[in-house]
């Protein structure tokens, strides 16, 4: 018994282009790892350091790249759909920091800085579902934990979503 997959030439081309985008996105993630982008994102020479003078471990961004790779791999075989990327996680600050919108914007910008343009071509918008908490255990640093990238909708924690792209 033989099965034939009937695709129009347009469907075949769209499917091949979509797979090409996914492969390019994965190469973009590897490039960011190779050039050391996680080490450039958060240090005393970055503009956001004046607002939040707290270090962030580069391991955070390697974890984010892993989450983006999983997100990109979810997209195989699902071409032609409008995609939103929801970034979930918990941002922990020292207890003296209040997560006003300009503080949250600094964190969002760090995420945008770590999304390769090759990955940005696989979705239409980025939505943040980050919970900002003050924690005494972080002392004089910042921590972003439980990072994941998803395609399914979830309600926002904060109502001012105008920072999302």
N, C-alpha and C. Protein backbone atom coordinates (compact mmCIF):
# COMPACT_ATOMS: atom_id res chain seq x y z
N UNK A 1 0.84 -1.16 0.00
CA UNK A 1 0.00 0.00 0.00
C UNK A 1 0.90 1.24 0.00
N UNK A 2 0.66 2.16 -0.88
CA UNK A 2 1.48 3.35 -1.01
C UNK A 2 0.64 4.59 -0.72
N UNK A 3 1.21 5.48 0.06
CA UNK A 3 0.54 6.75 0.37
C UNK A 3 1.28 7.88 -0.34
N UNK A 4 0.51 8.79 -0.90
CA UNK A 4 1.10 9.94 -1.57
C UNK A 4 0.65 11.19 -0.85
N UNK A 5 1.59 12.07 -0.64
CA UNK A 5 1.29 13.35 -0.02
C UNK A 5 1.09 14.34 -1.15
N UNK A 6 -0.10 14.89 -1.24
CA UNK A 6 -0.34 15.83 -2.33
C UNK A 6 -0.24 17.25 -1.80
N UNK A 7 0.75 17.94 -2.25
CA UNK A 7 0.95 19.35 -1.91
C UNK A 7 0.97 20.15 -3.20
N UNK A 8 0.36 21.29 -3.15
CA UNK A 8 0.49 22.17 -4.31
C UNK A 8 1.90 22.73 -4.31
N UNK A 9 2.32 23.27 -5.42
CA UNK A 9 3.68 23.83 -5.47
C UNK A 9 3.82 25.00 -4.52
N UNK A 10 2.76 25.77 -4.32
CA UNK A 10 2.81 26.90 -3.39
C UNK A 10 2.98 26.39 -1.96
N UNK A 11 2.22 25.36 -1.57
CA UNK A 11 2.36 24.79 -0.23
C UNK A 11 3.77 24.24 -0.02
N UNK A 12 4.28 23.57 -1.04
CA UNK A 12 5.61 22.99 -0.93
C UNK A 12 6.66 24.09 -0.73
N UNK A 13 6.56 25.17 -1.48
CA UNK A 13 7.51 26.28 -1.37
C UNK A 13 7.38 26.94 0.00
N UNK A 14 6.15 27.17 0.47
CA UNK A 14 5.96 27.77 1.79
C UNK A 14 6.53 26.88 2.89
N UNK A 15 6.31 25.59 2.77
CA UNK A 15 6.82 24.66 3.77
C UNK A 15 8.35 24.68 3.79
N UNK A 16 8.96 24.65 2.62
CA UNK A 16 10.43 24.68 2.53
C UNK A 16 10.97 26.00 3.07
N UNK A 17 10.30 27.12 2.77
CA UNK A 17 10.75 28.42 3.27
C UNK A 17 10.63 28.47 4.80
N UNK A 18 9.56 27.91 5.33
CA UNK A 18 9.37 27.88 6.77
C UNK A 18 10.48 27.05 7.44
N UNK A 19 10.79 25.89 6.89
CA UNK A 19 11.87 25.08 7.44
C UNK A 19 13.21 25.80 7.35
N UNK A 20 13.40 26.54 6.26
CA UNK A 20 14.61 27.35 6.11
C UNK A 20 14.70 28.39 7.22
N UNK A 21 13.58 29.08 7.52
CA UNK A 21 13.57 30.07 8.60
C UNK A 21 13.92 29.45 9.95
N UNK A 22 13.41 28.26 10.21
CA UNK A 22 13.68 27.58 11.47
C UNK A 22 15.17 27.25 11.57
N UNK A 23 15.76 26.73 10.50
CA UNK A 23 17.19 26.41 10.51
C UNK A 23 18.04 27.66 10.69
N UNK A 24 17.65 28.75 10.04
CA UNK A 24 18.38 30.02 10.18
C UNK A 24 18.26 30.53 11.62
N UNK A 25 17.08 30.37 12.23
CA UNK A 25 16.88 30.81 13.62
C UNK A 25 17.80 30.04 14.57
N UNK A 26 17.91 28.75 14.36
CA UNK A 26 18.80 27.95 15.21
C UNK A 26 20.26 28.36 15.03
N UNK A 27 20.64 28.70 13.80
CA UNK A 27 22.01 29.18 13.57
C UNK A 27 22.23 30.53 14.26
N UNK A 28 21.20 31.38 14.29
CA UNK A 28 21.31 32.67 14.98
C UNK A 28 21.53 32.48 16.48
N UNK A 29 20.85 31.51 17.06
CA UNK A 29 21.06 31.22 18.48
C UNK A 29 22.48 30.73 18.75
N UNK A 30 22.99 29.89 17.87
CA UNK A 30 24.37 29.42 18.02
C UNK A 30 25.36 30.58 17.87
N UNK A 31 25.07 31.49 16.96
CA UNK A 31 25.95 32.64 16.75
C UNK A 31 26.00 33.50 18.02
N UNK A 32 24.86 33.74 18.65
CA UNK A 32 24.84 34.54 19.88
C UNK A 32 25.65 33.88 20.98
N UNK A 33 25.58 32.56 21.06
CA UNK A 33 26.39 31.86 22.06
C UNK A 33 27.88 32.01 21.73
N UNK A 34 28.21 31.86 20.45
CA UNK A 34 29.61 31.89 20.04
C UNK A 34 30.26 33.26 20.21
N UNK A 35 29.52 34.33 19.99
CA UNK A 35 30.12 35.67 20.10
C UNK A 35 30.13 36.18 21.53
N UNK A 36 29.55 35.45 22.46
CA UNK A 36 29.57 35.85 23.86
C UNK A 36 28.55 36.90 24.23
N UNK A 37 27.44 36.95 23.54
CA UNK A 37 26.40 37.94 23.84
C UNK A 37 25.94 37.91 25.30
N UNK A 38 25.82 36.74 25.94
CA UNK A 38 25.38 36.75 27.34
C UNK A 38 26.30 37.54 28.27
N UNK A 39 27.57 37.65 27.91
CA UNK A 39 28.51 38.37 28.76
C UNK A 39 28.46 39.88 28.51
N UNK A 40 27.84 40.30 27.42
CA UNK A 40 27.73 41.72 27.08
C UNK A 40 26.44 42.35 27.55
N UNK A 41 25.46 41.54 27.94
CA UNK A 41 24.12 42.04 28.21
C UNK A 41 24.01 42.85 29.48
N UNK A 42 24.64 42.41 30.54
CA UNK A 42 24.44 43.06 31.83
C UNK A 42 25.77 43.23 32.55
N UNK A 43 26.34 44.41 32.47
CA UNK A 43 27.55 44.72 33.22
C UNK A 43 27.61 46.23 33.45
N UNK A 44 28.66 46.71 34.07
CA UNK A 44 28.72 48.12 34.45
C UNK A 44 28.86 49.08 33.28
N UNK A 45 29.10 48.56 32.07
CA UNK A 45 29.21 49.44 30.90
C UNK A 45 27.90 49.57 30.12
N UNK A 46 26.87 48.84 30.51
CA UNK A 46 25.59 48.91 29.80
C UNK A 46 24.79 50.11 30.29
N UNK A 47 23.99 50.74 29.41
CA UNK A 47 23.23 51.93 29.79
C UNK A 47 22.25 51.71 30.95
N UNK A 48 21.69 50.53 31.07
CA UNK A 48 20.70 50.27 32.11
C UNK A 48 21.33 50.12 33.50
N UNK A 49 22.65 50.07 33.56
CA UNK A 49 23.32 49.89 34.85
C UNK A 49 23.03 51.06 35.80
N UNK A 50 22.82 52.27 35.26
CA UNK A 50 22.53 53.44 36.10
C UNK A 50 21.21 53.26 36.85
N UNK A 51 20.21 52.62 36.21
CA UNK A 51 18.92 52.38 36.87
C UNK A 51 18.96 51.18 37.81
N UNK A 52 19.66 50.14 37.41
CA UNK A 52 19.72 48.91 38.20
C UNK A 52 21.17 48.43 38.28
N UNK A 53 21.92 48.90 39.26
CA UNK A 53 23.33 48.51 39.36
C UNK A 53 23.53 47.14 40.02
N UNK A 54 22.87 46.14 39.45
CA UNK A 54 22.94 44.80 40.01
C UNK A 54 23.36 43.83 38.92
N UNK A 55 24.35 42.98 39.20
CA UNK A 55 24.78 42.00 38.18
C UNK A 55 23.74 40.91 37.96
N UNK A 56 23.81 40.33 36.79
CA UNK A 56 22.94 39.21 36.41
C UNK A 56 23.83 38.14 35.80
N UNK A 57 23.69 36.92 36.24
CA UNK A 57 24.53 35.83 35.76
C UNK A 57 24.32 35.61 34.26
N UNK A 58 25.41 35.46 33.50
CA UNK A 58 25.28 35.14 32.07
C UNK A 58 24.58 33.81 31.82
N UNK A 59 24.56 32.94 32.81
CA UNK A 59 23.88 31.66 32.67
C UNK A 59 22.39 31.88 32.36
N UNK A 60 21.84 32.99 32.85
CA UNK A 60 20.45 33.34 32.57
C UNK A 60 20.19 33.37 31.07
N UNK A 61 21.10 33.98 30.32
CA UNK A 61 20.88 34.12 28.88
C UNK A 61 21.11 32.82 28.14
N UNK A 62 22.03 31.99 28.62
CA UNK A 62 22.17 30.67 28.02
C UNK A 62 20.89 29.85 28.23
N UNK A 63 20.27 30.01 29.41
CA UNK A 63 18.99 29.35 29.67
C UNK A 63 17.92 29.88 28.74
N UNK A 64 17.92 31.20 28.51
CA UNK A 64 16.96 31.82 27.60
C UNK A 64 17.16 31.31 26.18
N UNK A 65 18.41 31.16 25.73
CA UNK A 65 18.67 30.62 24.39
C UNK A 65 18.14 29.20 24.26
N UNK A 66 18.30 28.42 25.30
CA UNK A 66 17.77 27.05 25.30
C UNK A 66 16.24 27.08 25.18
N UNK A 67 15.59 27.99 25.92
CA UNK A 67 14.12 28.11 25.85
C UNK A 67 13.70 28.57 24.46
N UNK A 68 14.45 29.49 23.85
CA UNK A 68 14.12 29.93 22.49
C UNK A 68 14.32 28.80 21.49
N UNK A 69 15.35 28.00 21.67
CA UNK A 69 15.56 26.86 20.78
C UNK A 69 14.37 25.90 20.84
N UNK A 70 13.88 25.64 22.05
CA UNK A 70 12.70 24.79 22.20
C UNK A 70 11.49 25.43 21.54
N UNK A 71 11.34 26.75 21.67
CA UNK A 71 10.24 27.47 21.03
C UNK A 71 10.33 27.33 19.51
N UNK A 72 11.51 27.53 18.96
CA UNK A 72 11.70 27.43 17.51
C UNK A 72 11.41 26.02 17.02
N UNK A 73 11.82 25.02 17.77
CA UNK A 73 11.56 23.64 17.37
C UNK A 73 10.08 23.28 17.41
N UNK A 74 9.30 23.99 18.22
CA UNK A 74 7.84 23.78 18.23
C UNK A 74 7.21 24.21 16.92
N UNK A 75 7.89 25.06 16.19
CA UNK A 75 7.32 25.63 14.98
C UNK A 75 7.47 24.75 13.75
N UNK A 76 8.23 23.66 13.83
CA UNK A 76 8.39 22.78 12.68
C UNK A 76 7.04 22.27 12.21
N UNK A 77 6.81 22.37 10.93
CA UNK A 77 5.60 21.82 10.34
C UNK A 77 4.35 22.66 10.55
N UNK A 78 4.47 23.84 11.12
CA UNK A 78 3.28 24.67 11.35
C UNK A 78 3.46 26.02 10.67
N UNK A 79 3.63 25.98 9.38
CA UNK A 79 3.87 27.21 8.63
C UNK A 79 2.55 27.93 8.33
N UNK A 80 2.69 29.22 8.05
CA UNK A 80 1.54 30.01 7.63
C UNK A 80 0.67 30.51 8.77
N UNK A 81 1.12 30.41 9.99
CA UNK A 81 0.33 30.87 11.12
C UNK A 81 1.00 32.09 11.76
N UNK A 82 0.18 33.00 12.26
CA UNK A 82 0.71 34.15 12.98
C UNK A 82 1.14 33.67 14.36
N UNK A 83 2.35 33.97 14.74
CA UNK A 83 2.91 33.47 15.99
C UNK A 83 3.20 34.62 16.94
N UNK A 84 2.84 34.41 18.19
CA UNK A 84 3.24 35.29 19.28
C UNK A 84 4.17 34.49 20.18
N UNK A 85 5.24 35.10 20.65
CA UNK A 85 6.12 34.43 21.59
C UNK A 85 5.87 35.02 22.97
N UNK A 86 5.47 34.18 23.90
CA UNK A 86 5.24 34.58 25.28
C UNK A 86 6.46 34.16 26.09
N UNK A 87 7.13 35.14 26.69
CA UNK A 87 8.30 34.87 27.52
C UNK A 87 7.86 34.89 28.97
N UNK A 88 8.00 33.74 29.62
CA UNK A 88 7.62 33.59 31.02
C UNK A 88 8.86 33.52 31.89
N UNK A 89 8.72 33.96 33.13
CA UNK A 89 9.82 33.85 34.08
C UNK A 89 9.55 34.65 35.33
N UNK A 90 10.47 34.55 36.27
CA UNK A 90 10.40 35.29 37.53
C UNK A 90 11.67 36.11 37.66
N UNK A 91 11.50 37.42 37.82
CA UNK A 91 12.63 38.34 37.97
C UNK A 91 12.70 38.72 39.44
N UNK A 92 13.81 38.39 40.07
CA UNK A 92 14.00 38.70 41.48
C UNK A 92 15.01 39.83 41.64
N UNK A 93 14.62 40.82 42.42
CA UNK A 93 15.45 41.98 42.72
C UNK A 93 15.70 42.05 44.22
N UNK A 94 16.68 42.87 44.66
CA UNK A 94 16.74 43.16 46.09
C UNK A 94 15.45 43.86 46.52
N UNK A 95 15.11 43.74 47.77
CA UNK A 95 13.81 44.24 48.24
C UNK A 95 13.68 45.75 48.15
N UNK A 96 14.76 46.50 48.00
CA UNK A 96 14.65 47.95 47.91
C UNK A 96 14.29 48.44 46.50
N UNK A 97 14.21 47.55 45.53
CA UNK A 97 13.84 47.91 44.15
C UNK A 97 12.35 47.68 43.97
N UNK A 98 11.66 48.70 43.50
CA UNK A 98 10.24 48.58 43.18
C UNK A 98 10.12 48.48 41.66
N UNK A 99 9.44 47.48 41.16
CA UNK A 99 9.40 47.28 39.69
C UNK A 99 8.46 48.26 38.98
N UNK A 100 8.83 49.53 39.00
CA UNK A 100 8.08 50.53 38.24
C UNK A 100 8.23 50.22 36.75
N UNK A 101 7.38 50.81 35.91
CA UNK A 101 7.47 50.51 34.47
C UNK A 101 8.85 50.73 33.86
N UNK A 102 9.59 51.77 34.27
CA UNK A 102 10.91 51.99 33.66
C UNK A 102 11.91 50.90 34.08
N UNK A 103 11.73 50.31 35.26
CA UNK A 103 12.59 49.20 35.68
C UNK A 103 12.24 47.95 34.87
N UNK A 104 10.96 47.69 34.71
CA UNK A 104 10.55 46.53 33.90
C UNK A 104 11.02 46.71 32.46
N UNK A 105 10.98 47.94 31.96
CA UNK A 105 11.42 48.20 30.59
C UNK A 105 12.89 47.82 30.41
N UNK A 106 13.72 48.10 31.40
CA UNK A 106 15.13 47.71 31.33
C UNK A 106 15.28 46.20 31.17
N UNK A 107 14.49 45.45 31.91
CA UNK A 107 14.55 43.99 31.82
C UNK A 107 14.04 43.52 30.46
N UNK A 108 12.93 44.11 30.00
CA UNK A 108 12.41 43.74 28.68
C UNK A 108 13.45 44.01 27.59
N UNK A 109 14.13 45.16 27.69
CA UNK A 109 15.15 45.49 26.70
C UNK A 109 16.30 44.49 26.71
N UNK A 110 16.64 43.98 27.89
CA UNK A 110 17.69 42.95 27.95
C UNK A 110 17.25 41.70 27.18
N UNK A 111 15.97 41.35 27.30
CA UNK A 111 15.46 40.20 26.54
C UNK A 111 15.50 40.49 25.04
N UNK A 112 15.05 41.69 24.63
CA UNK A 112 15.07 42.03 23.20
C UNK A 112 16.50 42.00 22.66
N UNK A 113 17.46 42.44 23.46
CA UNK A 113 18.86 42.42 23.05
C UNK A 113 19.36 40.99 22.82
N UNK A 114 18.75 40.03 23.48
CA UNK A 114 19.18 38.64 23.40
C UNK A 114 18.32 37.79 22.47
N UNK A 115 17.47 38.40 21.68
CA UNK A 115 16.71 37.66 20.66
C UNK A 115 17.37 37.93 19.32
N UNK A 116 18.04 36.94 18.74
CA UNK A 116 18.66 37.15 17.43
C UNK A 116 17.61 37.53 16.38
N UNK A 117 18.00 38.37 15.44
CA UNK A 117 17.03 38.78 14.41
C UNK A 117 16.55 37.58 13.60
N UNK A 118 17.36 36.53 13.55
CA UNK A 118 16.92 35.32 12.84
C UNK A 118 15.75 34.65 13.55
N UNK A 119 15.74 34.72 14.88
CA UNK A 119 14.62 34.16 15.65
C UNK A 119 13.42 35.10 15.56
N UNK A 120 13.67 36.40 15.55
CA UNK A 120 12.58 37.37 15.48
C UNK A 120 11.75 37.20 14.21
N UNK A 121 12.33 36.64 13.17
CA UNK A 121 11.58 36.43 11.92
C UNK A 121 10.58 35.28 12.02
N UNK A 122 10.65 34.48 13.09
CA UNK A 122 9.74 33.34 13.22
C UNK A 122 8.45 33.69 13.95
N UNK A 123 8.34 34.90 14.46
CA UNK A 123 7.12 35.29 15.18
C UNK A 123 6.78 36.73 14.87
N UNK A 124 5.56 37.12 15.20
CA UNK A 124 5.12 38.48 14.88
C UNK A 124 5.28 39.44 16.05
N UNK A 125 5.13 38.96 17.27
CA UNK A 125 5.23 39.81 18.44
C UNK A 125 5.80 39.03 19.62
N UNK A 126 6.37 39.78 20.56
CA UNK A 126 6.85 39.20 21.80
C UNK A 126 5.98 39.75 22.92
N UNK A 127 5.49 38.87 23.77
CA UNK A 127 4.70 39.25 24.94
C UNK A 127 5.42 38.76 26.18
N UNK A 128 5.52 39.60 27.19
CA UNK A 128 6.21 39.23 28.42
C UNK A 128 5.22 38.82 29.49
N UNK A 129 5.53 37.72 30.12
CA UNK A 129 4.77 37.24 31.28
C UNK A 129 5.78 37.01 32.40
N UNK A 130 6.47 38.09 32.74
CA UNK A 130 7.49 38.04 33.78
C UNK A 130 6.89 38.57 35.08
N UNK A 131 7.12 37.85 36.14
CA UNK A 131 6.67 38.27 37.46
C UNK A 131 7.87 38.89 38.17
N UNK A 132 7.74 40.15 38.59
CA UNK A 132 8.82 40.85 39.27
C UNK A 132 8.58 40.79 40.77
N UNK A 133 9.58 40.30 41.50
CA UNK A 133 9.45 40.16 42.96
C UNK A 133 10.70 40.70 43.64
N UNK A 134 10.49 41.23 44.83
CA UNK A 134 11.60 41.62 45.68
C UNK A 134 11.91 40.47 46.60
N UNK A 135 13.16 40.09 46.69
CA UNK A 135 13.53 38.93 47.51
C UNK A 135 14.80 39.24 48.28
N UNK A 136 14.80 38.90 49.55
CA UNK A 136 15.97 39.18 50.38
C UNK A 136 17.12 38.23 50.06
N UNK A 137 16.82 37.07 49.50
CA UNK A 137 17.87 36.09 49.23
C UNK A 137 18.79 36.48 48.08
N UNK A 138 18.38 37.42 47.22
CA UNK A 138 19.24 37.79 46.10
C UNK A 138 20.31 38.79 46.50
N UNK A 139 20.14 39.44 47.64
CA UNK A 139 21.09 40.42 48.18
C UNK A 139 21.39 41.52 47.18
N UNK A 140 22.61 41.61 46.69
CA UNK A 140 23.00 42.72 45.82
C UNK A 140 23.16 42.28 44.37
N UNK A 141 22.26 41.46 43.90
CA UNK A 141 22.29 41.03 42.50
C UNK A 141 20.86 40.87 42.01
N UNK A 142 20.73 40.47 40.79
CA UNK A 142 19.43 40.27 40.15
C UNK A 142 19.39 38.84 39.65
N UNK A 143 18.19 38.26 39.59
CA UNK A 143 18.07 36.87 39.15
C UNK A 143 16.81 36.74 38.28
N UNK A 144 16.94 36.01 37.18
CA UNK A 144 15.78 35.69 36.34
C UNK A 144 15.71 34.16 36.26
N UNK A 145 14.63 33.61 36.79
CA UNK A 145 14.49 32.16 36.89
C UNK A 145 13.24 31.68 36.16
N UNK A 146 13.17 30.38 35.98
CA UNK A 146 12.00 29.72 35.36
C UNK A 146 11.67 30.30 33.99
N UNK A 147 12.68 30.55 33.20
CA UNK A 147 12.48 31.15 31.86
C UNK A 147 11.92 30.10 30.91
N UNK A 148 10.88 30.50 30.18
CA UNK A 148 10.36 29.65 29.11
C UNK A 148 9.76 30.54 28.03
N UNK A 149 9.74 30.01 26.83
CA UNK A 149 9.13 30.70 25.68
C UNK A 149 8.01 29.80 25.19
N UNK A 150 6.82 30.37 25.06
CA UNK A 150 5.66 29.56 24.68
C UNK A 150 4.88 30.24 23.57
N UNK A 151 4.03 29.45 22.94
CA UNK A 151 3.17 29.99 21.89
C UNK A 151 1.75 30.22 22.36
N UNK A 152 1.36 29.60 23.46
CA UNK A 152 -0.03 29.73 23.90
C UNK A 152 -0.23 31.00 24.73
N UNK A 153 -1.42 31.57 24.62
CA UNK A 153 -1.77 32.81 25.31
C UNK A 153 -1.83 32.60 26.82
N UNK A 154 -1.43 33.63 27.53
CA UNK A 154 -1.61 33.66 28.98
C UNK A 154 -1.84 35.12 29.38
N UNK A 155 -2.61 35.36 30.43
CA UNK A 155 -2.90 36.75 30.81
C UNK A 155 -1.67 37.44 31.38
N UNK A 156 -1.57 38.75 31.20
CA UNK A 156 -0.40 39.48 31.71
C UNK A 156 -0.47 39.70 33.22
N UNK A 157 0.70 39.87 33.82
CA UNK A 157 0.77 40.22 35.24
C UNK A 157 0.54 41.71 35.46
N UNK A 158 0.96 42.51 34.48
CA UNK A 158 0.87 43.97 34.58
C UNK A 158 0.05 44.48 33.41
N UNK A 159 -0.70 45.52 33.61
CA UNK A 159 -1.62 46.00 32.59
C UNK A 159 -0.98 46.91 31.56
N UNK A 160 0.19 47.46 31.82
CA UNK A 160 0.82 48.36 30.86
C UNK A 160 1.72 47.58 29.91
N UNK A 161 1.10 46.95 28.94
CA UNK A 161 1.81 46.09 27.99
C UNK A 161 2.36 46.86 26.80
N UNK A 162 2.49 48.17 26.92
CA UNK A 162 2.94 48.95 25.78
C UNK A 162 4.43 48.77 25.51
N UNK A 163 5.15 48.06 26.36
CA UNK A 163 6.56 47.78 26.12
C UNK A 163 6.75 46.58 25.21
N UNK A 164 5.70 45.86 24.94
CA UNK A 164 5.82 44.65 24.15
C UNK A 164 5.90 44.99 22.67
N UNK A 165 6.65 44.17 21.94
CA UNK A 165 6.81 44.42 20.49
C UNK A 165 6.21 43.29 19.71
